[in-house]
Amino acid sequence: MLKAHRGDPAAEATLAAFPVGGTPTYLILDASGEPISGWVGFQSTESWLAYFADAEADPLPRSARHRRLAENPNVGDALALGRTAHNTGDYGAAHGYFQQALSIDESAARAEQVSFQDYKSVCYGIDKGVFGMDDAGTAIVVLLDDSALSHRNLFRVAGDLFRYVASAGEEAIFPLLTLARGRVADVSDPDYIQHRQEFMVEYAARVDKDIEGALAMKRDFLLSNGADDPAALNGFAWWCFEHEINLQEAEAKVRRAVELSDPGPGMANILDTQAMLVHRRGDTRAAGQIIERAIAMDPGNEYLLRQREKIQSEGEN
């Protein structure tokens, strides 16, 4: 195993010889030192084992795999090269390989969720200046038309779209959310019913601008998912806080959630919601006491410390 660190003069030549898209970058090399596979970021044990299993099953270095793809176009090599390019931060190359996989055998590529992988490369590439929001929009339209799109990936994209509204604007994102709604409405898998409910609430509030209708759905879902579930009560209260609606009922619900919770990080999260609701109605002193109680239950939580600073600074103003 070879370790090389940015800033270490002795390691710079090594780093320059390999595709390093971020830190930490991990590369699997063959005996000659040529990369077979790679990825960026800390991964689960399962992901590590999967990367090594794939490399062991077909231990071809990238240059040889690229030649094989050119001589004998196949989905497997295009996907492998695309995934490695994405995992090492070369999003433009990843997009090209994923598009090549679709052109070789669209059905086989879609079965491997290539549309979602391509979408991720385009989105990551936006941050690098490789792609723009128009490219992301095109990738999303293709993705939502993909019958092989898994429910898990569908809801990941739907969540991304709501976040994109702030940066790309309603005019660009709302039509895509409407496309997503058509797919979400058909979801009947019990494991994803709550995801569907949450999407429909946000769609009503943000796209339809029907905040009262969204609140009614939110209440119905709370009753169906467990009116005495602390997490569900807290979720309802936080949603009301974020949308600045129904704050009195929200505060009552979060108080009930605190009563039902055991001391610890979970209760600290609920107390944070309570503190922000109390702070919003102007009782800075009480909000400060509540956030201190939350910090005592989860003292290493930097988010809670920032919340305390926010309450204190806004109270002074």
C-alpha atoms as a PDB file:
ATOM      1  CA  MET A   1       0.000   0.000   0.000  1.00  0.00           C
ATOM      2  CA  LEU A   2       1.272   3.448  -0.966  1.00  0.00           C
ATOM      3  CA  LYS A   3       0.101   6.568   0.875  1.00  0.00           C
ATOM      4  CA  ALA A   4       0.666  10.027  -0.608  1.00  0.00           C
ATOM      5  CA  HIS A   5      -0.435  13.296   0.974  1.00  0.00           C
ATOM      6  CA  ARG A   6      -1.027  16.678  -0.617  1.00  0.00           C
ATOM      7  CA  GLY A   7       1.607  19.180   0.486  1.00  0.00           C
ATOM      8  CA  ASP A   8       4.297  16.528   0.923  1.00  0.00           C
ATOM      9  CA  PRO A   9       7.030  17.401  -1.657  1.00  0.00           C
ATOM     10  CA  ALA A  10       8.134  13.773  -1.833  1.00  0.00           C
ATOM     11  CA  ALA A  11       4.612  12.726  -2.824  1.00  0.00           C
ATOM     12  CA  GLU A  12       3.794  15.388  -5.425  1.00  0.00           C
ATOM     13  CA  ALA A  13       5.297  13.449  -8.334  1.00  0.00           C
ATOM     14  CA  THR A  14       3.277  10.387  -7.357  1.00  0.00           C
ATOM     15  CA  LEU A  15       0.075  12.401  -7.084  1.00  0.00           C
ATOM     16  CA  ALA A  16       0.673  14.038 -10.466  1.00  0.00           C
ATOM     17  CA  ALA A  17       0.903  10.619 -12.114  1.00  0.00           C
ATOM     18  CA  PHE A  18      -2.561   9.519 -11.018  1.00  0.00           C
ATOM     19  CA  PRO A  19      -6.125  10.833 -11.367  1.00  0.00           C
ATOM     20  CA  VAL A  20      -6.828  12.456  -8.016  1.00  0.00           C
ATOM     21  CA  GLY A  21     -10.240  14.108  -8.031  1.00  0.00           C
ATOM     22  CA  GLY A  22     -10.488  14.918  -4.340  1.00  0.00           C
ATOM     23  CA  THR A  23      -9.490  13.703  -0.922  1.00  0.00           C
ATOM     24  CA  PRO A  24      -9.260  11.005   0.063  1.00  0.00           C
ATOM     25  CA  THR A  25      -8.747   9.279  -3.310  1.00  0.00           C
ATOM     26  CA  TYR A  26      -8.255   5.502  -3.350  1.00  0.00           C
ATOM     27  CA  LEU A  27      -6.788   3.667  -6.345  1.00  0.00           C
ATOM     28  CA  ILE A  28      -6.433  -0.046  -7.020  1.00  0.00           C
ATOM     29  CA  LEU A  29      -3.276  -0.588  -9.095  1.00  0.00           C
ATOM     30  CA  ASP A  30      -2.001  -3.551 -11.054  1.00  0.00           C
ATOM     31  CA  ALA A  31       1.517  -4.986 -10.612  1.00  0.00           C
ATOM     32  CA  SER A  32       2.970  -2.383 -12.987  1.00  0.00           C
ATOM     33  CA  GLY A  33       1.413   0.483 -11.029  1.00  0.00           C
ATOM     34  CA  GLU A  34      -1.355   1.293 -13.524  1.00  0.00           C
ATOM     35  CA  PRO A  35      -4.833   2.085 -12.118  1.00  0.00           C
ATOM     36  CA  ILE A  36      -7.512  -0.566 -12.426  1.00  0.00           C
ATOM     37  CA  SER A  37     -10.195   1.221 -10.415  1.00  0.00           C
ATOM     38  CA  GLY A  38     -10.594   4.139  -8.062  1.00  0.00           C
ATOM     39  CA  TRP A  39     -12.954   6.199  -5.948  1.00  0.00           C
ATOM     40  CA  VAL A  40     -13.064   9.365  -3.884  1.00  0.00           C
ATOM     41  CA  GLY A  41     -14.318   9.716  -0.321  1.00  0.00           C
ATOM     42  CA  PHE A  42     -14.818   7.494   2.680  1.00  0.00           C
ATOM     43  CA  GLN A  43     -16.941   4.446   1.889  1.00  0.00           C
ATOM     44  CA  SER A  44     -18.766   1.735   3.782  1.00  0.00           C
ATOM     45  CA  THR A  45     -17.230  -1.695   4.247  1.00  0.00           C
ATOM     46  CA  GLU A  46     -19.712  -3.054   1.698  1.00  0.00           C
ATOM     47  CA  SER A  47     -18.629  -0.496  -0.904  1.00  0.00           C
ATOM     48  CA  TRP A  48     -14.947  -1.274  -0.359  1.00  0.00           C
ATOM     49  CA  LEU A  49     -15.586  -4.994  -0.789  1.00  0.00           C
ATOM     50  CA  ALA A  50     -17.606  -4.344  -3.950  1.00  0.00           C
ATOM     51  CA  TYR A  51     -14.808  -2.238  -5.501  1.00  0.00           C
ATOM     52  CA  PHE A  52     -12.229  -4.946  -4.793  1.00  0.00           C
ATOM     53  CA  ALA A  53     -14.536  -7.732  -6.007  1.00  0.00           C
ATOM     54  CA  ASP A  54     -15.081  -5.906  -9.316  1.00  0.00           C
ATOM     55  CA  ALA A  55     -11.342  -5.330  -9.731  1.00  0.00           C
ATOM     56  CA  GLU A  56     -10.590  -8.965  -8.956  1.00  0.00           C
ATOM     57  CA  ALA A  57     -13.237 -10.223 -11.387  1.00  0.00           C
ATOM     58  CA  ASP A  58     -11.762  -8.221 -14.283  1.00  0.00           C
ATOM     59  CA  PRO A  59      -8.348  -6.827 -13.261  1.00  0.00           C
ATOM     60  CA  LEU A  60      -7.763  -4.883 -16.464  1.00  0.00           C
ATOM     61  CA  PRO A  61      -5.924  -1.531 -16.184  1.00  0.00           C
ATOM     62  CA  ARG A  62      -7.769   1.448 -17.576  1.00  0.00           C
ATOM     63  CA  SER A  63      -5.581   1.905 -20.650  1.00  0.00           C
ATOM     64  CA  ALA A  64      -6.143  -1.720 -21.683  1.00  0.00           C
ATOM     65  CA  ARG A  65      -9.867  -1.469 -20.908  1.00  0.00           C
ATOM     66  CA  HIS A  66     -10.089   1.641 -23.067  1.00  0.00           C
ATOM     67  CA  ARG A  67      -8.410  -0.199 -25.968  1.00  0.00           C
ATOM     68  CA  ARG A  68     -10.730  -3.168 -25.538  1.00  0.00           C
ATOM     69  CA  LEU A  69     -13.749  -0.853 -25.582  1.00  0.00           C
ATOM     70  CA  ALA A  70     -12.528   0.753 -28.803  1.00  0.00           C
ATOM     71  CA  GLU A  71     -11.933  -2.627 -30.461  1.00  0.00           C
ATOM     72  CA  ASN A  72     -15.052  -4.339 -29.114  1.00  0.00           C
ATOM     73  CA  PRO A  73     -17.664  -1.826 -27.870  1.00  0.00           C
ATOM     74  CA  ASN A  74     -19.484  -3.256 -24.856  1.00  0.00           C
ATOM     75  CA  VAL A  75     -21.578  -1.904 -22.010  1.00  0.00           C
ATOM     76  CA  GLY A  76     -19.442  -3.468 -19.269  1.00  0.00           C
ATOM     77  CA  ASP A  77     -16.244  -1.642 -20.193  1.00  0.00           C
ATOM     78  CA  ALA A  78     -18.035   1.642 -20.858  1.00  0.00           C
ATOM     79  CA  LEU A  79     -19.707   1.471 -17.453  1.00  0.00           C
ATOM     80  CA  ALA A  80     -16.499   0.488 -15.668  1.00  0.00           C
ATOM     81  CA  LEU A  81     -14.574   3.371 -17.240  1.00  0.00           C
ATOM     82  CA  GLY A  82     -17.437   5.772 -16.570  1.00  0.00           C
ATOM     83  CA  ARG A  83     -17.691   4.809 -12.917  1.00  0.00           C
ATOM     84  CA  THR A  84     -13.943   5.110 -12.385  1.00  0.00           C
ATOM     85  CA  ALA A  85     -13.869   8.495 -14.133  1.00  0.00           C
ATOM     86  CA  HIS A  86     -16.752   9.696 -11.957  1.00  0.00           C
ATOM     87  CA  ASN A  87     -15.227   8.286  -8.786  1.00  0.00           C
ATOM     88  CA  THR A  88     -11.960  10.120  -9.437  1.00  0.00           C
ATOM     89  CA  GLY A  89     -13.591  13.445 -10.337  1.00  0.00           C
ATOM     90  CA  ASP A  90     -13.354  13.399 -14.157  1.00  0.00           C
ATOM     91  CA  TYR A  91     -17.058  14.094 -14.692  1.00  0.00           C
ATOM     92  CA  GLY A  92     -16.799  15.096 -18.346  1.00  0.00           C
ATOM     93  CA  ALA A  93     -15.161  11.786 -19.242  1.00  0.00           C
ATOM     94  CA  ALA A  94     -17.673   9.891 -17.081  1.00  0.00           C
ATOM     95  CA  HIS A  95     -20.581  11.491 -18.962  1.00  0.00           C
ATOM     96  CA  GLY A  96     -19.002  10.449 -22.269  1.00  0.00           C
ATOM     97  CA  TYR A  97     -18.578   6.838 -21.186  1.00  0.00           C
ATOM     98  CA  PHE A  98     -22.130   6.614 -19.811  1.00  0.00           C
ATOM     99  CA  GLN A  99     -23.533   8.026 -23.044  1.00  0.00           C
ATOM    100  CA  GLN A 100     -21.440   5.487 -24.949  1.00  0.00           C
ATOM    101  CA  ALA A 101     -22.894   2.671 -22.823  1.00  0.00           C
ATOM    102  CA  LEU A 102     -26.412   3.827 -23.708  1.00  0.00           C
ATOM    103  CA  SER A 103     -25.549   3.960 -27.403  1.00  0.00           C
ATOM    104  CA  ILE A 104     -24.100   0.426 -27.352  1.00  0.00           C
ATOM    105  CA  ASP A 105     -27.053  -1.294 -25.657  1.00  0.00           C
ATOM    106  CA  GLU A 106     -29.620   1.042 -24.151  1.00  0.00           C
ATOM    107  CA  SER A 107     -31.643  -1.680 -22.434  1.00  0.00           C
ATOM    108  CA  ALA A 108     -28.629  -3.298 -20.759  1.00  0.00           C
ATOM    109  CA  ALA A 109     -27.218   0.083 -19.722  1.00  0.00           C
ATOM    110  CA  ARG A 110     -30.503   1.250 -18.234  1.00  0.00           C
ATOM    111  CA  ALA A 111     -30.773  -1.984 -16.266  1.00  0.00           C
ATOM    112  CA  GLU A 112     -27.502  -0.933 -14.584  1.00  0.00           C
ATOM    113  CA  GLN A 113     -29.029   2.452 -13.602  1.00  0.00           C
ATOM    114  CA  VAL A 114     -26.683   4.231 -16.012  1.00  0.00           C
ATOM    115  CA  SER A 115     -29.114   7.130 -16.457  1.00  0.00           C
ATOM    116  CA  PHE A 116     -28.834   7.911 -12.765  1.00  0.00           C
ATOM    117  CA  GLN A 117     -25.047   7.558 -12.801  1.00  0.00           C
ATOM    118  CA  ASP A 118     -24.860   9.932 -15.764  1.00  0.00           C
ATOM    119  CA  TYR A 119     -27.119  12.399 -13.974  1.00  0.00           C
ATOM    120  CA  LYS A 120     -24.810  12.353 -10.943  1.00  0.00           C
ATOM    121  CA  SER A 121     -21.765  13.028 -13.119  1.00  0.00           C
ATOM    122  CA  VAL A 122     -23.480  15.989 -14.771  1.00  0.00           C
ATOM    123  CA  CYS A 123     -24.589  17.426 -11.426  1.00  0.00           C
ATOM    124  CA  TYR A 124     -21.148  17.026  -9.852  1.00  0.00           C
ATOM    125  CA  GLY A 125     -19.675  18.555 -13.003  1.00  0.00           C
ATOM    126  CA  ILE A 126     -21.750  21.703 -12.502  1.00  0.00           C
ATOM    127  CA  ASP A 127     -19.719  22.492  -9.392  1.00  0.00           C
ATOM    128  CA  LYS A 128     -16.520  22.020 -11.419  1.00  0.00           C
ATOM    129  CA  GLY A 129     -17.716  24.258 -14.260  1.00  0.00           C
ATOM    130  CA  VAL A 130     -17.829  21.323 -16.693  1.00  0.00           C
ATOM    131  CA  PHE A 131     -21.612  21.408 -17.137  1.00  0.00           C
ATOM    132  CA  GLY A 132     -24.455  23.896 -16.690  1.00  0.00           C
ATOM    133  CA  MET A 133     -28.020  23.603 -15.372  1.00  0.00           C
ATOM    134  CA  ASP A 134     -29.279  23.069 -18.943  1.00  0.00           C
ATOM    135  CA  ASP A 135     -27.186  19.899 -19.081  1.00  0.00           C
ATOM    136  CA  ALA A 136     -28.622  18.790 -15.740  1.00  0.00           C
ATOM    137  CA  GLY A 137     -32.146  19.443 -17.006  1.00  0.00           C
ATOM    138  CA  THR A 138     -31.528  17.275 -20.070  1.00  0.00           C
ATOM    139  CA  ALA A 139     -30.108  14.478 -17.902  1.00  0.00           C
ATOM    140  CA  ILE A 140     -33.109  14.647 -15.571  1.00  0.00           C
ATOM    141  CA  VAL A 141     -35.621  14.444 -18.448  1.00  0.00           C
ATOM    142  CA  VAL A 142     -33.830  11.335 -19.762  1.00  0.00           C
ATOM    143  CA  LEU A 143     -33.677   9.874 -16.266  1.00  0.00           C
ATOM    144  CA  LEU A 144     -37.366  10.375 -15.492  1.00  0.00           C
ATOM    145  CA  ASP A 145     -38.232   8.681 -18.787  1.00  0.00           C
ATOM    146  CA  ASP A 146     -36.202   5.623 -17.767  1.00  0.00           C
ATOM    147  CA  SER A 147     -38.556   2.779 -16.821  1.00  0.00           C
ATOM    148  CA  ALA A 148     -35.664   1.019 -15.055  1.00  0.00           C
ATOM    149  CA  LEU A 149     -35.152   3.917 -12.621  1.00  0.00           C
ATOM    150  CA  SER A 150     -35.257   2.522  -9.089  1.00  0.00           C
ATOM    151  CA  HIS A 151     -37.527   4.051  -6.456  1.00  0.00           C
ATOM    152  CA  ARG A 152     -34.483   4.892  -4.346  1.00  0.00           C
ATOM    153  CA  ASN A 153     -32.909   6.890  -7.149  1.00  0.00           C
ATOM    154  CA  LEU A 154     -36.215   8.481  -8.129  1.00  0.00           C
ATOM    155  CA  PHE A 155     -36.594  10.028  -4.684  1.00  0.00           C
ATOM    156  CA  ARG A 156     -32.951  11.081  -4.592  1.00  0.00           C
ATOM    157  CA  VAL A 157     -33.516  13.048  -7.804  1.00  0.00           C
ATOM    158  CA  ALA A 158     -36.803  14.470  -6.516  1.00  0.00           C
ATOM    159  CA  GLY A 159     -35.057  15.731  -3.393  1.00  0.00           C
ATOM    160  CA  ASP A 160     -32.309  17.280  -5.509  1.00  0.00           C
ATOM    161  CA  LEU A 161     -34.881  19.119  -7.614  1.00  0.00           C
ATOM    162  CA  PHE A 162     -36.412  20.850  -4.600  1.00  0.00           C
ATOM    163  CA  ARG A 163     -32.918  21.980  -3.588  1.00  0.00           C
ATOM    164  CA  TYR A 164     -32.151  23.264  -7.088  1.00  0.00           C
ATOM    165  CA  VAL A 165     -35.068  25.703  -6.980  1.00  0.00           C
ATOM    166  CA  ALA A 166     -33.006  28.193  -4.948  1.00  0.00           C
ATOM    167  CA  SER A 167     -30.120  28.260  -7.437  1.00  0.00           C
ATOM    168  CA  ALA A 168     -31.821  27.619 -10.791  1.00  0.00           C
ATOM    169  CA  GLY A 169     -35.217  29.242 -10.216  1.00  0.00           C
ATOM    170  CA  GLU A 170     -38.808  28.074 -10.368  1.00  0.00           C
ATOM    171  CA  GLU A 171     -39.124  28.509 -14.134  1.00  0.00           C
ATOM    172  CA  ALA A 172     -36.343  25.995 -14.789  1.00  0.00           C
ATOM    173  CA  ILE A 173     -37.126  23.457 -12.051  1.00  0.00           C
ATOM    174  CA  PHE A 174     -40.920  23.356 -11.666  1.00  0.00           C
ATOM    175  CA  PRO A 175     -41.494  21.634 -15.058  1.00  0.00           C
ATOM    176  CA  LEU A 176     -38.997  18.969 -14.001  1.00  0.00           C
ATOM    177  CA  LEU A 177     -40.749  18.563 -10.653  1.00  0.00           C
ATOM    178  CA  THR A 178     -44.014  18.091 -12.548  1.00  0.00           C
ATOM    179  CA  LEU A 179     -42.377  15.307 -14.575  1.00  0.00           C
ATOM    180  CA  ALA A 180     -41.112  13.754 -11.351  1.00  0.00           C
ATOM    181  CA  ARG A 181     -44.588  13.972  -9.819  1.00  0.00           C
ATOM    182  CA  GLY A 182     -45.929  11.725 -12.577  1.00  0.00           C
ATOM    183  CA  ARG A 183     -43.443   9.018 -11.619  1.00  0.00           C
ATOM    184  CA  VAL A 184     -43.838   9.525  -7.863  1.00  0.00           C
ATOM    185  CA  ALA A 185     -47.642   9.246  -8.033  1.00  0.00           C
ATOM    186  CA  ASP A 186     -47.303   5.694  -9.376  1.00  0.00           C
ATOM    187  CA  VAL A 187     -45.141   4.476  -6.475  1.00  0.00           C
ATOM    188  CA  SER A 188     -46.970   1.849  -4.399  1.00  0.00           C
ATOM    189  CA  ASP A 189     -44.017   0.066  -2.787  1.00  0.00           C
ATOM    190  CA  PRO A 190     -44.677   0.115   1.007  1.00  0.00           C
ATOM    191  CA  ASP A 191     -41.006   0.941   1.625  1.00  0.00           C
ATOM    192  CA  TYR A 192     -41.405   4.224  -0.263  1.00  0.00           C
ATOM    193  CA  ILE A 193     -44.924   5.343   0.662  1.00  0.00           C
ATOM    194  CA  GLN A 194     -43.596   7.868   3.182  1.00  0.00           C
ATOM    195  CA  HIS A 195     -41.222   9.268   0.546  1.00  0.00           C
ATOM    196  CA  ARG A 196     -44.175   9.659  -1.806  1.00  0.00           C
ATOM    197  CA  GLN A 197     -46.188  11.432   0.868  1.00  0.00           C
ATOM    198  CA  GLU A 198     -43.352  13.841   1.640  1.00  0.00           C
ATOM    199  CA  PHE A 199     -42.902  14.650  -2.047  1.00  0.00           C
ATOM    200  CA  MET A 200     -46.604  15.345  -2.524  1.00  0.00           C
ATOM    201  CA  VAL A 201     -46.656  17.693   0.476  1.00  0.00           C
ATOM    202  CA  GLU A 202     -43.678  19.683  -0.818  1.00  0.00           C
ATOM    203  CA  TYR A 203     -45.111  19.760  -4.337  1.00  0.00           C
ATOM    204  CA  ALA A 204     -48.398  21.177  -3.071  1.00  0.00           C
ATOM    205  CA  ALA A 205     -46.627  23.790  -0.959  1.00  0.00           C
ATOM    206  CA  ARG A 206     -43.993  24.912  -3.429  1.00  0.00           C
ATOM    207  CA  VAL A 207     -45.236  24.197  -6.950  1.00  0.00           C
ATOM    208  CA  ASP A 208     -49.014  24.497  -6.489  1.00  0.00           C
ATOM    209  CA  LYS A 209     -48.536  27.265  -3.874  1.00  0.00           C
ATOM    210  CA  ASP A 210     -51.293  25.557  -1.853  1.00  0.00           C
ATOM    211  CA  ILE A 211     -49.793  25.778   1.613  1.00  0.00           C
ATOM    212  CA  GLU A 212     -53.090  25.074   3.379  1.00  0.00           C
ATOM    213  CA  GLY A 213     -53.618  21.973   1.275  1.00  0.00           C
ATOM    214  CA  ALA A 214     -50.061  20.878   1.999  1.00  0.00           C
ATOM    215  CA  LEU A 215     -50.660  21.377   5.731  1.00  0.00           C
ATOM    216  CA  ALA A 216     -53.822  19.266   5.574  1.00  0.00           C
ATOM    217  CA  MET A 217     -51.891  16.461   3.871  1.00  0.00           C
ATOM    218  CA  LYS A 218     -49.111  16.783   6.423  1.00  0.00           C
ATOM    219  CA  ARG A 219     -51.642  16.372   9.272  1.00  0.00           C
ATOM    220  CA  ASP A 220     -53.205  13.337   7.593  1.00  0.00           C
ATOM    221  CA  PHE A 221     -49.816  11.709   7.109  1.00  0.00           C
ATOM    222  CA  LEU A 222     -48.906  12.397  10.730  1.00  0.00           C
ATOM    223  CA  LEU A 223     -52.021  10.576  11.889  1.00  0.00           C
ATOM    224  CA  SER A 224     -51.435   7.651   9.538  1.00  0.00           C
ATOM    225  CA  ASN A 225     -47.722   7.322  10.380  1.00  0.00           C
ATOM    226  CA  GLY A 226     -48.088   7.563  14.148  1.00  0.00           C
ATOM    227  CA  ALA A 227     -49.417  10.493  16.147  1.00  0.00           C
ATOM    228  CA  ASP A 228     -47.358   9.379  19.156  1.00  0.00           C
ATOM    229  CA  ASP A 229     -44.109   8.834  17.264  1.00  0.00           C
ATOM    230  CA  PRO A 230     -41.577  11.451  18.462  1.00  0.00           C
ATOM    231  CA  ALA A 231     -39.777  11.519  15.108  1.00  0.00           C
ATOM    232  CA  ALA A 232     -43.036  12.024  13.186  1.00  0.00           C
ATOM    233  CA  LEU A 233     -44.175  14.765  15.569  1.00  0.00           C
ATOM    234  CA  ASN A 234     -40.821  16.483  15.281  1.00  0.00           C
ATOM    235  CA  GLY A 235     -40.914  16.214  11.497  1.00  0.00           C
ATOM    236  CA  PHE A 236     -44.349  17.834  11.427  1.00  0.00           C
ATOM    237  CA  ALA A 237     -43.199  20.659  13.723  1.00  0.00           C
ATOM    238  CA  TRP A 238     -40.030  21.334  11.733  1.00  0.00           C
ATOM    239  CA  TRP A 239     -41.954  21.387   8.463  1.00  0.00           C
ATOM    240  CA  CYS A 240     -44.287  24.017   9.920  1.00  0.00           C
ATOM    241  CA  PHE A 241     -41.282  26.007  11.141  1.00  0.00           C
ATOM    242  CA  GLU A 242     -39.624  25.928   7.713  1.00  0.00           C
ATOM    243  CA  HIS A 243     -42.832  27.029   5.972  1.00  0.00           C
ATOM    244  CA  GLU A 244     -43.723  29.575   8.676  1.00  0.00           C
ATOM    245  CA  ILE A 245     -47.231  28.226   9.112  1.00  0.00           C
ATOM    246  CA  ASN A 246     -49.294  26.749  11.947  1.00  0.00           C
ATOM    247  CA  LEU A 247     -46.597  27.547  14.501  1.00  0.00           C
ATOM    248  CA  GLN A 248     -48.794  27.257  17.597  1.00  0.00           C
ATOM    249  CA  GLU A 249     -49.836  23.687  16.767  1.00  0.00           C
ATOM    250  CA  ALA A 250     -46.241  22.917  15.768  1.00  0.00           C
ATOM    251  CA  GLU A 251     -44.988  23.977  19.182  1.00  0.00           C
ATOM    252  CA  ALA A 252     -47.596  21.812  20.906  1.00  0.00           C
ATOM    253  CA  LYS A 253     -46.585  18.822  18.773  1.00  0.00           C
ATOM    254  CA  VAL A 254     -42.881  19.248  19.495  1.00  0.00           C
ATOM    255  CA  ARG A 255     -43.564  19.536  23.245  1.00  0.00           C
ATOM    256  CA  ARG A 256     -45.376  16.205  22.985  1.00  0.00           C
ATOM    257  CA  ALA A 257     -42.413  14.754  21.090  1.00  0.00           C
ATOM    258  CA  VAL A 258     -40.078  15.815  23.909  1.00  0.00           C
ATOM    259  CA  GLU A 259     -42.350  14.144  26.475  1.00  0.00           C
ATOM    260  CA  LEU A 260     -42.261  10.884  24.496  1.00  0.00           C
ATOM    261  CA  SER A 261     -38.482  10.863  23.954  1.00  0.00           C
ATOM    262  CA  ASP A 262     -35.643   9.381  25.965  1.00  0.00           C
ATOM    263  CA  PRO A 263     -32.686  11.635  26.846  1.00  0.00           C
ATOM    264  CA  GLY A 264     -29.894  11.549  24.279  1.00  0.00           C
ATOM    265  CA  PRO A 265     -29.051  12.783  20.764  1.00  0.00           C
ATOM    266  CA  GLY A 266     -32.553  11.995  19.503  1.00  0.00           C
ATOM    267  CA  MET A 267     -34.170  14.205  22.104  1.00  0.00           C
ATOM    268  CA  ALA A 268     -31.512  16.874  21.470  1.00  0.00           C
ATOM    269  CA  ASN A 269     -32.655  17.038  17.850  1.00  0.00           C
ATOM    270  CA  ILE A 270     -36.267  17.486  18.958  1.00  0.00           C
ATOM    271  CA  LEU A 271     -35.274  20.144  21.492  1.00  0.00           C
ATOM    272  CA  ASP A 272     -33.557  22.031  18.676  1.00  0.00           C
ATOM    273  CA  THR A 273     -36.878  22.222  16.829  1.00  0.00           C
ATOM    274  CA  GLN A 274     -38.613  23.392  20.003  1.00  0.00           C
ATOM    275  CA  ALA A 275     -35.931  26.049  20.613  1.00  0.00           C
ATOM    276  CA  MET A 276     -36.282  27.468  17.110  1.00  0.00           C
ATOM    277  CA  LEU A 277     -40.074  27.627  17.361  1.00  0.00           C
ATOM    278  CA  VAL A 278     -39.874  29.377  20.743  1.00  0.00           C
ATOM    279  CA  HIS A 279     -37.224  31.731  19.371  1.00  0.00           C
ATOM    280  CA  ARG A 280     -39.400  32.567  16.376  1.00  0.00           C
ATOM    281  CA  ARG A 281     -42.260  33.723  18.589  1.00  0.00           C
ATOM    282  CA  GLY A 282     -39.806  36.046  20.338  1.00  0.00           C
ATOM    283  CA  ASP A 283     -38.949  34.309  23.605  1.00  0.00           C
ATOM    284  CA  THR A 284     -35.155  34.311  23.221  1.00  0.00           C
ATOM    285  CA  ARG A 285     -34.515  33.549  26.895  1.00  0.00           C
ATOM    286  CA  ALA A 286     -36.633  30.393  26.869  1.00  0.00           C
ATOM    287  CA  ALA A 287     -35.201  29.352  23.496  1.00  0.00           C
ATOM    288  CA  GLY A 288     -31.701  29.692  24.920  1.00  0.00           C
ATOM    289  CA  GLN A 289     -32.556  27.487  27.878  1.00  0.00           C
ATOM    290  CA  ILE A 290     -33.987  24.813  25.579  1.00  0.00           C
ATOM    291  CA  ILE A 291     -30.955  24.776  23.282  1.00  0.00           C
ATOM    292  CA  GLU A 292     -28.668  24.511  26.317  1.00  0.00           C
ATOM    293  CA  ARG A 293     -30.616  21.435  27.375  1.00  0.00           C
ATOM    294  CA  ALA A 294     -30.141  20.002  23.873  1.00  0.00           C
ATOM    295  CA  ILE A 295     -26.394  20.662  23.977  1.00  0.00           C
ATOM    296  CA  ALA A 296     -26.128  18.941  27.360  1.00  0.00           C
ATOM    297  CA  MET A 297     -27.606  15.803  25.784  1.00  0.00           C
ATOM    298  CA  ASP A 298     -25.346  15.922  22.722  1.00  0.00           C
ATOM    299  CA  PRO A 299     -22.313  18.024  23.731  1.00  0.00           C
ATOM    300  CA  GLY A 300     -20.204  17.278  20.662  1.00  0.00           C
ATOM    301  CA  ASN A 301     -22.837  18.407  18.170  1.00  0.00           C
ATOM    302  CA  GLU A 302     -21.422  21.414  16.305  1.00  0.00           C
ATOM    303  CA  TYR A 303     -24.784  22.158  14.695  1.00  0.00           C
ATOM    304  CA  LEU A 304     -26.367  22.691  18.107  1.00  0.00           C
ATOM    305  CA  LEU A 305     -23.520  25.002  19.107  1.00  0.00           C
ATOM    306  CA  ARG A 306     -24.167  27.066  15.969  1.00  0.00           C
ATOM    307  CA  GLN A 307     -27.867  27.158  16.816  1.00  0.00           C
ATOM    308  CA  ARG A 308     -26.993  28.555  20.257  1.00  0.00           C
ATOM    309  CA  GLU A 309     -24.860  31.263  18.647  1.00  0.00           C
ATOM    310  CA  LYS A 310     -27.708  32.113  16.269  1.00  0.00           C
ATOM    311  CA  ILE A 311     -30.232  32.445  19.092  1.00  0.00           C
ATOM    312  CA  GLN A 312     -27.841  34.555  21.158  1.00  0.00           C
ATOM    313  CA  SER A 313     -26.841  36.872  18.298  1.00  0.00           C
ATOM    314  CA  GLU A 314     -30.398  37.426  17.077  1.00  0.00           C
ATOM    315  CA  GLY A 315     -31.536  37.975  20.663  1.00  0.00           C
ATOM    316  CA  GLU A 316     -28.980  40.740  21.058  1.00  0.00           C
ATOM    317  CA  ASN A 317     -30.305  42.440  17.939  1.00  0.00           C
END
